C-alpha atoms as a PDB file:
ATOM      1  CA  ASP A   1     104.022  83.166  92.952  1.00  0.00           C
ATOM      2  CA  PRO A   2     105.685  79.862  91.982  1.00  0.00           C
ATOM      3  CA  GLY A   3     107.070  79.449  95.506  1.00  0.00           C
ATOM      4  CA  LEU A   4     103.592  79.667  96.999  1.00  0.00           C
ATOM      5  CA  GLU A   5     102.241  77.109  94.536  1.00  0.00           C
ATOM      6  CA  ALA A   6     105.130  74.736  95.317  1.00  0.00           C
ATOM      7  CA  GLU A   7     104.443  75.039  99.065  1.00  0.00           C
ATOM      8  CA  PHE A   8     100.755  74.206  98.567  1.00  0.00           C
ATOM      9  CA  MET A   9     101.704  71.148  96.494  1.00  0.00           C
ATOM     10  CA  ARG A  10     103.643  69.788  99.496  1.00  0.00           C
ATOM     11  CA  TRP A  11     100.662  69.979 101.828  1.00  0.00           C
ATOM     12  CA  ASP A  12      99.355  66.505 102.467  1.00  0.00           C
ATOM     13  CA  TYR A  13      95.833  67.314 103.536  1.00  0.00           C
ATOM     14  CA  GLY A  14      92.830  69.044 102.038  1.00  0.00           C
ATOM     15  CA  THR A  15      91.528  71.295 104.764  1.00  0.00           C
ATOM     16  CA  VAL A  16      88.822  73.759 103.812  1.00  0.00           C
ATOM     17  CA  VAL A  17      87.746  76.419 106.295  1.00  0.00           C
ATOM     18  CA  VAL A  18      84.039  77.206 106.093  1.00  0.00           C
ATOM     19  CA  ASP A  19      82.045  79.958 107.784  1.00  0.00           C
ATOM     20  CA  LEU A  20      78.950  78.147 109.088  1.00  0.00           C
ATOM     21  CA  THR A  21      77.044  81.298 110.051  1.00  0.00           C
ATOM     22  CA  ASP A  22      74.690  81.098 107.043  1.00  0.00           C
ATOM     23  CA  ALA A  23      74.374  77.310 107.253  1.00  0.00           C
ATOM     24  CA  LEU A  24      73.166  77.547 110.851  1.00  0.00           C
ATOM     25  CA  THR A  25      70.639  80.327 110.185  1.00  0.00           C
ATOM     26  CA  ALA A  26      67.115  78.900 110.132  1.00  0.00           C
ATOM     27  CA  GLY A  27      65.491  79.071 106.706  1.00  0.00           C
ATOM     28  CA  SER A  28      68.684  80.130 104.902  1.00  0.00           C
ATOM     29  CA  LYS A  29      70.007  78.041 102.029  1.00  0.00           C
ATOM     30  CA  ASP A  30      72.957  80.369 101.321  1.00  0.00           C
ATOM     31  CA  GLY A  31      75.343  78.418 103.522  1.00  0.00           C
ATOM     32  CA  ASP A  32      74.273  74.891 102.542  1.00  0.00           C
ATOM     33  CA  LEU A  33      77.269  72.590 102.212  1.00  0.00           C
ATOM     34  CA  TRP A  34      77.540  69.589  99.938  1.00  0.00           C
ATOM     35  CA  LEU A  35      79.404  66.757 101.611  1.00  0.00           C
ATOM     36  CA  ARG A  36      80.568  63.562  99.932  1.00  0.00           C
ATOM     37  CA  ASP A  37      81.334  60.121 101.311  1.00  0.00           C
ATOM     38  CA  GLY A  38      84.564  60.348 103.263  1.00  0.00           C
ATOM     39  CA  ASP A  39      84.234  64.065 104.051  1.00  0.00           C
ATOM     40  CA  ARG A  40      84.643  64.911 107.691  1.00  0.00           C
ATOM     41  CA  LEU A  41      83.326  68.021 109.393  1.00  0.00           C
ATOM     42  CA  GLU A  42      85.336  69.147 112.426  1.00  0.00           C
ATOM     43  CA  ILE A  43      84.339  72.088 114.546  1.00  0.00           C
ATOM     44  CA  PRO A  44      87.239  72.937 116.852  1.00  0.00           C
ATOM     45  CA  ALA A  45      86.453  73.921 120.428  1.00  0.00           C
ATOM     46  CA  ALA A  46      89.299  76.434 120.449  1.00  0.00           C
ATOM     47  CA  PRO A  47      90.228  78.902 117.711  1.00  0.00           C
ATOM     48  CA  LEU A  48      92.347  77.522 114.899  1.00  0.00           C
ATOM     49  CA  GLY A  49      95.984  78.359 114.611  1.00  0.00           C
ATOM     50  CA  VAL A  50      97.704  80.395 111.929  1.00  0.00           C
ATOM     51  CA  ARG A  51      99.941  78.520 109.492  1.00  0.00           C
ATOM     52  CA  VAL A  52     103.274  80.250 108.821  1.00  0.00           C
ATOM     53  CA  PHE A  53     105.455  78.929 106.020  1.00  0.00           C
ATOM     54  CA  GLY A  54     107.830  79.860 103.252  1.00  0.00           C
ATOM     55  CA  ALA A  55     111.151  81.539 104.014  1.00  0.00           C
ATOM     56  CA  VAL A  56     110.891  81.371 107.817  1.00  0.00           C
ATOM     57  CA  ASN A  57     113.198  79.548 110.214  1.00  0.00           C
ATOM     58  CA  HIS A  58     110.595  77.115 111.604  1.00  0.00           C
ATOM     59  CA  ALA A  59     107.469  76.854 109.489  1.00  0.00           C
ATOM     60  CA  GLY A  60     104.338  75.423 111.051  1.00  0.00           C
ATOM     61  CA  GLU A  61     101.176  76.160 112.980  1.00  0.00           C
ATOM     62  CA  VAL A  62     101.155  79.008 115.511  1.00  0.00           C
ATOM     63  CA  ALA A  63      98.374  79.359 118.061  1.00  0.00           C
ATOM     64  CA  TRP A  64      96.050  82.215 117.079  1.00  0.00           C
ATOM     65  CA  LEU A  65      95.793  85.105 119.538  1.00  0.00           C
ATOM     66  CA  PRO A  66      93.395  88.042 119.117  1.00  0.00           C
ATOM     67  CA  ASP A  67      94.864  91.366 117.982  1.00  0.00           C
ATOM     68  CA  GLN A  68      98.277  89.898 117.078  1.00  0.00           C
ATOM     69  CA  LYS A  69      99.901  91.079 113.858  1.00  0.00           C
ATOM     70  CA  LEU A  70     102.312  89.585 111.345  1.00  0.00           C
ATOM     71  CA  SER A  71     105.415  90.285 113.435  1.00  0.00           C
ATOM     72  CA  TYR A  72     104.076  88.136 116.300  1.00  0.00           C
ATOM     73  CA  TYR A  73     103.432  85.112 114.066  1.00  0.00           C
ATOM     74  CA  LEU A  74     106.799  85.482 112.339  1.00  0.00           C
ATOM     75  CA  SER A  75     108.599  85.668 115.678  1.00  0.00           C
ATOM     76  CA  GLU A  76     106.762  82.513 116.807  1.00  0.00           C
ATOM     77  CA  ALA A  77     108.171  80.828 113.664  1.00  0.00           C
ATOM     78  CA  ASP A  78     111.655  81.933 114.828  1.00  0.00           C
ATOM     79  CA  GLY A  79     111.700  84.813 112.369  1.00  0.00           C
ATOM     80  CA  VAL A  80     112.228  85.275 108.675  1.00  0.00           C
ATOM     81  CA  SER A  81     115.189  83.368 107.254  1.00  0.00           C
ATOM     82  CA  LYS A  82     118.089  85.222 105.601  1.00  0.00           C
ATOM     83  CA  ALA A  83     116.545  84.441 102.224  1.00  0.00           C
ATOM     84  CA  GLY A  84     113.097  85.681 103.297  1.00  0.00           C
ATOM     85  CA  TRP A  85     111.382  88.765 101.921  1.00  0.00           C
ATOM     86  CA  LYS A  86     109.222  90.014 104.816  1.00  0.00           C
ATOM     87  CA  ASN A  87     107.939  93.058 102.904  1.00  0.00           C
ATOM     88  CA  ARG A  88     106.363  90.722 100.328  1.00  0.00           C
ATOM     89  CA  ALA A  89     104.579  88.496 102.843  1.00  0.00           C
ATOM     90  CA  VAL A  90     101.130  87.305 101.765  1.00  0.00           C
ATOM     91  CA  VAL A  91      98.181  86.473 104.007  1.00  0.00           C
ATOM     92  CA  ILE A  92      95.750  83.914 102.635  1.00  0.00           C
ATOM     93  CA  LYS A  93      92.434  84.516 104.355  1.00  0.00           C
ATOM     94  CA  ALA A  94      90.727  81.386 105.674  1.00  0.00           C
ATOM     95  CA  ARG A  95      87.268  82.856 105.148  1.00  0.00           C
ATOM     96  CA  ASN A  96      87.474  83.071 101.355  1.00  0.00           C
ATOM     97  CA  GLY A  97      90.967  82.069 100.208  1.00  0.00           C
ATOM     98  CA  SER A  98      91.861  85.562  99.002  1.00  0.00           C
ATOM     99  CA  GLN A  99      95.564  86.393  98.892  1.00  0.00           C
ATOM    100  CA  ILE A 100      96.356  89.787 100.371  1.00  0.00           C
ATOM    101  CA  ARG A 101      99.783  91.358 100.490  1.00  0.00           C
ATOM    102  CA  TYR A 102     100.393  92.065 104.135  1.00  0.00           C
ATOM    103  CA  GLN A 103      99.687  95.564 105.458  1.00  0.00           C
ATOM    104  CA  PRO A 104     100.071  96.602 109.109  1.00  0.00           C
ATOM    105  CA  SER A 105      96.320  97.249 109.434  1.00  0.00           C
ATOM    106  CA  LEU A 106      95.381  93.769 108.135  1.00  0.00           C
ATOM    107  CA  PRO A 107      93.951  91.611 110.929  1.00  0.00           C
ATOM    108  CA  ILE A 108      95.131  88.011 111.189  1.00  0.00           C
ATOM    109  CA  ASP A 109      92.208  85.648 111.816  1.00  0.00           C
ATOM    110  CA  PRO A 110      92.120  82.029 112.995  1.00  0.00           C
ATOM    111  CA  GLY A 111      92.850  79.664 110.123  1.00  0.00           C
ATOM    112  CA  ASP A 112      94.702  82.264 108.047  1.00  0.00           C
ATOM    113  CA  VAL A 113      97.939  81.336 106.325  1.00  0.00           C
ATOM    114  CA  ILE A 114     101.023  83.555 106.208  1.00  0.00           C
ATOM    115  CA  TYR A 115     103.494  82.957 103.400  1.00  0.00           C
ATOM    116  CA  VAL A 116     106.912  84.652 103.266  1.00  0.00           C
ATOM    117  CA  PRO A 117     108.514  84.400  99.807  1.00  0.00           C
ATOM    118  CA  SER A 118     112.235  84.170  99.186  1.00  0.00           C
ATOM    119  CA  LYS A 119     114.108  87.191  97.880  1.00  0.00           C
ATOM    120  CA  PRO A 120     115.089  86.886  94.250  1.00  0.00           C
ATOM    121  CA  GLU A 121     118.625  85.613  93.913  1.00  0.00           C
ATOM    122  CA  THR A 122     120.994  88.114  92.314  1.00  0.00           C
ATOM    123  CA  THR A 123     124.698  87.673  91.765  1.00  0.00           C
ATOM    124  CA  ASN A 124     127.454  90.245  91.479  1.00  0.00           C
ATOM    125  CA  TRP A 125     127.513  89.523  87.744  1.00  0.00           C
ATOM    126  CA  ASP A 126     123.787  90.413  87.501  1.00  0.00           C
ATOM    127  CA  ARG A 127     124.398  93.691  89.343  1.00  0.00           C
ATOM    128  CA  PHE A 128     127.408  94.485  87.129  1.00  0.00           C
ATOM    129  CA  LYS A 129     125.352  93.854  83.956  1.00  0.00           C
ATOM    130  CA  ASP A 130     122.576  96.118  85.258  1.00  0.00           C
ATOM    131  CA  ILE A 131     125.030  98.935  86.059  1.00  0.00           C
ATOM    132  CA  VAL A 132     126.755  98.659  82.658  1.00  0.00           C
ATOM    133  CA  GLY A 133     123.342  98.680  80.941  1.00  0.00           C
ATOM    134  CA  VAL A 134     122.237 101.843  82.748  1.00  0.00           C
ATOM    135  CA  VAL A 135     125.560 103.600  82.070  1.00  0.00           C
ATOM    136  CA  ALA A 136     125.312 102.688  78.363  1.00  0.00           C
ATOM    137  CA  GLN A 137     121.764 104.055  78.165  1.00  0.00           C
ATOM    138  CA  VAL A 138     122.761 107.313  79.870  1.00  0.00           C
ATOM    139  CA  ALA A 139     125.790 107.664  77.562  1.00  0.00           C
ATOM    140  CA  THR A 140     123.539 107.109  74.530  1.00  0.00           C
ATOM    141  CA  LEU A 141     121.129 109.821  75.719  1.00  0.00           C
ATOM    142  CA  VAL A 142     124.015 112.247  76.274  1.00  0.00           C
ATOM    143  CA  LEU A 143     125.357 111.592  72.751  1.00  0.00           C
ATOM    144  CA  ILE A 144     121.897 112.058  71.238  1.00  0.00           C
ATOM    145  CA  GLY A 145     121.510 115.299  73.171  1.00  0.00           C
ATOM    146  CA  GLN A 146     124.889 116.564  71.969  1.00  0.00           C
ATOM    147  CA  ASN A 147     124.115 115.687  68.341  1.00  0.00           C
ATOM    148  CA  LEU A 148     120.724 117.409  68.487  1.00  0.00           C
ATOM    149  CA  GLY A 149     122.357 120.520  69.913  1.00  0.00           C
ATOM    150  CA  LYS A 150     124.697 120.913  66.910  1.00  0.00           C
END
């Protein structure tokens, strides 16, 4: 989604959410992290928030609450804007960065990101062209059917 990529380009920080479970397990090397000079590791005392952005009225960070669904986080962002396409909302999971189209059963976890894309812009001219195109195709099929029947 080009809108999602554009939103990420505007973010001014490089936060990476890491599950430290494996790193803190004695004898396990699966969760080892490579840090470079200037990297900073922050472990928040409270759960992280959920970032809501895209076509919402007030994009930003919303405090995470257990068992809350998409509608809660969207309402905390003052709802989807008129241009927003709620049914196409995407949840980017903090754990692994996967992008999942929202489903009611999908849990929202701390650190997740919710992106609401804008509806595609269509004009009356676009609708008119689509209707004329469909009518022309149907008329062509009717003529072909009549000619085959002779």
